[in-house]
Amino acid sequence: ADNEWVNVGVAYRVRGKKAADNEWVNEEEREEKQLQKELAKAKARMKKHLKLQEWLKEKEERELAALQEEEEEVAAIEAERLRKEKKRQARARKAKKKLTSYYKELMDGADIDIDPGAEALASAASGGGGGGGGG
C-alpha cells in the first residue's frame, strides 16, 4: 500500500508516500503546466501586440513620408508658379517700356506735324481758299 501507482493525469510513483501525497505532486505539476500554457499565451499576445505596434509605426512613417512628399510637390508647384509669374512680370515691364517709348515717339512726331501755322500754310499753298473765286 505504501508503494502505489496513482493514475491521475501523468502517473508518478513516489516511494514511501500515500496516495494523497501523490495527488499533491500531480496537482503541482498540473498547476505548472497550466502556468506554462498561460505564459505561452501571454508571450503570443505580447508578440502579436509588438507586431501590431511595429505595423502601426511603419504605417505612420509611410503616412508621414507621403505627407512630406505631397508638401514638397506643392512647394515645387508654387515655386514654378512664382518663377512663371516673375517671368511674366518681366515681359510685361519690357513690353510696357517698349510701348511707352513707341507712343512717346508718336506723340513727339505728332507735335511737329500738327503745328497750327503749318496747317494754314499748307492749305493756302494748295490753292484752297474760301471756295468762291471762279466765275
C-alpha atoms as a PDB file:
ATOM      1  CA  ALA A   1       0.000   0.000   0.000  1.00  0.00           C
ATOM      2  CA  ASP A   2       2.912   2.366   0.576  1.00  0.00           C
ATOM      3  CA  ASN A   3       4.176   1.910  -2.973  1.00  0.00           C
ATOM      4  CA  GLU A   4       1.120   2.737  -5.057  1.00  0.00           C
ATOM      5  CA  TRP A   5       0.714   3.827  -8.621  1.00  0.00           C
ATOM      6  CA  VAL A   6      -1.669   6.725  -8.903  1.00  0.00           C
ATOM      7  CA  ASN A   7      -3.353   7.155 -12.275  1.00  0.00           C
ATOM      8  CA  VAL A   8      -4.222  10.845 -12.358  1.00  0.00           C
ATOM      9  CA  GLY A   9      -3.031  12.713 -15.458  1.00  0.00           C
ATOM     10  CA  VAL A  10       0.578  11.629 -15.607  1.00  0.00           C
ATOM     11  CA  ALA A  11       1.315   8.948 -13.069  1.00  0.00           C
ATOM     12  CA  TYR A  12       4.343   9.201 -10.845  1.00  0.00           C
ATOM     13  CA  ARG A  13       5.457   6.673  -8.372  1.00  0.00           C
ATOM     14  CA  VAL A  14       6.597   8.307  -5.183  1.00  0.00           C
ATOM     15  CA  ARG A  15       8.237   5.915  -2.785  1.00  0.00           C
ATOM     16  CA  GLY A  16       7.160   5.933   0.774  1.00  0.00           C
ATOM     17  CA  LYS A  17       4.172   8.210   0.215  1.00  0.00           C
ATOM     18  CA  LYS A  18       0.484   7.575   0.361  1.00  0.00           C
ATOM     19  CA  ALA A  19      -1.954   8.255  -2.468  1.00  0.00           C
ATOM     20  CA  ALA A  20      -2.993  11.632  -1.001  1.00  0.00           C
ATOM     21  CA  ASP A  21       0.601  12.823  -1.030  1.00  0.00           C
ATOM     22  CA  ASN A  22       0.896  11.630  -4.633  1.00  0.00           C
ATOM     23  CA  GLU A  23      -2.070  13.790  -5.656  1.00  0.00           C
ATOM     24  CA  TRP A  24      -0.289  16.805  -4.250  1.00  0.00           C
ATOM     25  CA  VAL A  25       2.633  16.194  -6.623  1.00  0.00           C
ATOM     26  CA  ASN A  26       0.256  15.706  -9.576  1.00  0.00           C
ATOM     27  CA  GLU A  27      -1.660  18.899  -8.665  1.00  0.00           C
ATOM     28  CA  GLU A  28       1.573  20.845  -8.505  1.00  0.00           C
ATOM     29  CA  GLU A  29       2.557  19.555 -11.923  1.00  0.00           C
ATOM     30  CA  ARG A  30      -0.861  20.426 -13.361  1.00  0.00           C
ATOM     31  CA  GLU A  31      -0.530  23.942 -11.991  1.00  0.00           C
ATOM     32  CA  GLU A  32       2.928  24.220 -13.526  1.00  0.00           C
ATOM     33  CA  LYS A  33       1.627  23.059 -16.919  1.00  0.00           C
ATOM     34  CA  GLN A  34      -1.296  25.479 -16.635  1.00  0.00           C
ATOM     35  CA  LEU A  35       1.106  28.316 -15.805  1.00  0.00           C
ATOM     36  CA  GLN A  36       3.310  27.330 -18.754  1.00  0.00           C
ATOM     37  CA  LYS A  37       0.266  27.413 -21.062  1.00  0.00           C
ATOM     38  CA  GLU A  38      -0.726  30.815 -19.710  1.00  0.00           C
ATOM     39  CA  LEU A  39       2.840  32.038 -20.134  1.00  0.00           C
ATOM     40  CA  ALA A  40       2.902  30.776 -23.726  1.00  0.00           C
ATOM     41  CA  LYS A  41      -0.413  32.536 -24.399  1.00  0.00           C
ATOM     42  CA  ALA A  42       0.879  35.733 -22.796  1.00  0.00           C
ATOM     43  CA  LYS A  43       4.043  35.553 -24.899  1.00  0.00           C
ATOM     44  CA  ALA A  44       1.947  35.010 -28.032  1.00  0.00           C
ATOM     45  CA  ARG A  45      -0.237  38.013 -27.129  1.00  0.00           C
ATOM     46  CA  MET A  46       2.838  40.112 -26.456  1.00  0.00           C
ATOM     47  CA  LYS A  47       4.406  39.041 -29.770  1.00  0.00           C
ATOM     48  CA  LYS A  48       1.168  39.901 -31.581  1.00  0.00           C
ATOM     49  CA  HIS A  49       0.999  43.246 -29.772  1.00  0.00           C
ATOM     50  CA  LEU A  50       4.617  44.066 -30.693  1.00  0.00           C
ATOM     51  CA  LYS A  51       3.944  43.097 -34.302  1.00  0.00           C
ATOM     52  CA  LEU A  52       0.885  45.365 -34.314  1.00  0.00           C
ATOM     53  CA  GLN A  53       2.891  48.228 -32.799  1.00  0.00           C
ATOM     54  CA  GLU A  54       5.598  47.754 -35.428  1.00  0.00           C
ATOM     55  CA  TRP A  55       2.978  47.753 -38.193  1.00  0.00           C
ATOM     56  CA  LEU A  56       1.377  50.914 -36.789  1.00  0.00           C
ATOM     57  CA  LYS A  57       4.793  52.592 -36.610  1.00  0.00           C
ATOM     58  CA  GLU A  58       5.534  51.652 -40.222  1.00  0.00           C
ATOM     59  CA  LYS A  59       2.094  52.884 -41.268  1.00  0.00           C
ATOM     60  CA  GLU A  60       2.710  56.208 -39.527  1.00  0.00           C
ATOM     61  CA  GLU A  61       6.125  56.510 -41.192  1.00  0.00           C
ATOM     62  CA  ARG A  62       4.568  55.790 -44.605  1.00  0.00           C
ATOM     63  CA  GLU A  63       1.871  58.395 -43.986  1.00  0.00           C
ATOM     64  CA  LEU A  64       4.455  60.964 -42.879  1.00  0.00           C
ATOM     65  CA  ALA A  65       6.585  60.237 -45.943  1.00  0.00           C
ATOM     66  CA  ALA A  66       3.539  60.611 -48.200  1.00  0.00           C
ATOM     67  CA  LEU A  67       2.588  63.858 -46.473  1.00  0.00           C
ATOM     68  CA  GLN A  68       6.130  65.206 -46.804  1.00  0.00           C
ATOM     69  CA  GLU A  69       6.220  64.199 -50.473  1.00  0.00           C
ATOM     70  CA  GLU A  70       2.896  65.949 -51.043  1.00  0.00           C
ATOM     71  CA  GLU A  71       4.164  69.096 -49.284  1.00  0.00           C
ATOM     72  CA  GLU A  72       7.333  69.059 -51.396  1.00  0.00           C
ATOM     73  CA  GLU A  73       5.232  68.665 -54.535  1.00  0.00           C
ATOM     74  CA  VAL A  74       3.016  71.595 -53.524  1.00  0.00           C
ATOM     75  CA  ALA A  75       6.116  73.682 -52.758  1.00  0.00           C
ATOM     76  CA  ALA A  76       7.616  72.788 -56.160  1.00  0.00           C
ATOM     77  CA  ILE A  77       4.378  73.746 -57.924  1.00  0.00           C
ATOM     78  CA  GLU A  78       4.266  77.036 -56.016  1.00  0.00           C
ATOM     79  CA  ALA A  79       7.924  77.759 -56.843  1.00  0.00           C
ATOM     80  CA  GLU A  80       7.238  77.063 -60.518  1.00  0.00           C
ATOM     81  CA  ARG A  81       4.193  79.345 -60.412  1.00  0.00           C
ATOM     82  CA  LEU A  82       6.257  82.134 -58.825  1.00  0.00           C
ATOM     83  CA  ARG A  83       9.007  81.673 -61.416  1.00  0.00           C
ATOM     84  CA  LYS A  84       6.488  81.934 -64.252  1.00  0.00           C
ATOM     85  CA  GLU A  85       4.840  84.969 -62.638  1.00  0.00           C
ATOM     86  CA  LYS A  86       8.200  86.763 -62.320  1.00  0.00           C
ATOM     87  CA  LYS A  87       8.964  85.944 -65.943  1.00  0.00           C
ATOM     88  CA  ARG A  88       5.535  87.254 -66.988  1.00  0.00           C
ATOM     89  CA  GLN A  89       6.047  90.466 -64.995  1.00  0.00           C
ATOM     90  CA  ALA A  90       9.460  90.980 -66.589  1.00  0.00           C
ATOM     91  CA  ARG A  91       7.932  90.556 -70.070  1.00  0.00           C
ATOM     92  CA  ALA A  92       5.114  92.941 -69.123  1.00  0.00           C
ATOM     93  CA  ARG A  93       7.602  95.597 -67.929  1.00  0.00           C
ATOM     94  CA  LYS A  94       9.619  95.223 -71.116  1.00  0.00           C
ATOM     95  CA  ALA A  95       6.501  95.471 -73.301  1.00  0.00           C
ATOM     96  CA  LYS A  96       5.248  98.472 -71.332  1.00  0.00           C
ATOM     97  CA  LYS A  97       8.591 100.211 -71.708  1.00  0.00           C
ATOM     98  CA  LYS A  98       8.613  99.479 -75.442  1.00  0.00           C
ATOM     99  CA  LEU A  99       5.026 100.713 -75.885  1.00  0.00           C
ATOM    100  CA  THR A 100       5.673 103.815 -73.810  1.00  0.00           C
ATOM    101  CA  SER A 101       8.708 104.605 -75.958  1.00  0.00           C
ATOM    102  CA  TYR A 102       6.705 103.996 -79.145  1.00  0.00           C
ATOM    103  CA  TYR A 103       3.816 106.216 -78.025  1.00  0.00           C
ATOM    104  CA  LYS A 104       6.254 108.914 -76.952  1.00  0.00           C
ATOM    105  CA  GLU A 105       7.807 108.867 -80.421  1.00  0.00           C
ATOM    106  CA  LEU A 106       4.339 109.071 -81.976  1.00  0.00           C
ATOM    107  CA  MET A 107       3.401 111.982 -79.782  1.00  0.00           C
ATOM    108  CA  ASP A 108       6.680 113.775 -80.483  1.00  0.00           C
ATOM    109  CA  GLY A 109       6.165 113.260 -84.218  1.00  0.00           C
ATOM    110  CA  ALA A 110       2.535 114.351 -83.990  1.00  0.00           C
ATOM    111  CA  ASP A 111       3.513 117.594 -82.285  1.00  0.00           C
ATOM    112  CA  ILE A 112       5.723 118.530 -85.236  1.00  0.00           C
ATOM    113  CA  ASP A 113       3.128 117.641 -87.881  1.00  0.00           C
ATOM    114  CA  ILE A 114       0.240 119.326 -86.148  1.00  0.00           C
ATOM    115  CA  ASP A 115       1.614 122.837 -85.991  1.00  0.00           C
ATOM    116  CA  PRO A 116      -1.366 125.203 -86.460  1.00  0.00           C
ATOM    117  CA  GLY A 117       0.625 127.648 -88.607  1.00  0.00           C
ATOM    118  CA  ALA A 118       1.877 124.885 -90.847  1.00  0.00           C
ATOM    119  CA  GLU A 119      -1.658 123.701 -91.437  1.00  0.00           C
ATOM    120  CA  ALA A 120      -2.774 127.130 -92.653  1.00  0.00           C
ATOM    121  CA  LEU A 121       0.240 127.436 -94.946  1.00  0.00           C
ATOM    122  CA  ALA A 122      -0.373 124.026 -96.416  1.00  0.00           C
ATOM    123  CA  SER A 123      -3.992 124.944 -97.108  1.00  0.00           C
ATOM    124  CA  ALA A 124      -3.086 128.222 -98.849  1.00  0.00           C
ATOM    125  CA  ALA A 125      -0.387 126.616-100.910  1.00  0.00           C
ATOM    126  CA  SER A 126      -2.749 124.080-102.346  1.00  0.00           C
ATOM    127  CA  GLY A 127      -4.969 126.823-103.661  1.00  0.00           C
ATOM    128  CA  GLY A 128      -7.814 126.125-101.492  1.00  0.00           C
ATOM    129  CA  GLY A 129      -9.436 129.244-100.412  1.00  0.00           C
ATOM    130  CA  GLY A 130     -12.829 130.073 -99.314  1.00  0.00           C
ATOM    131  CA  GLY A 131     -14.367 128.391-102.313  1.00  0.00           C
ATOM    132  CA  GLY A 132     -15.861 131.204-104.306  1.00  0.00           C
ATOM    133  CA  GLY A 133     -13.161 132.533-106.645  1.00  0.00           C
ATOM    134  CA  GLY A 134     -14.054 131.246-110.073  1.00  0.00           C
ATOM    135  CA  GLY A 135     -16.810 132.638-112.074  1.00  0.00           C
END
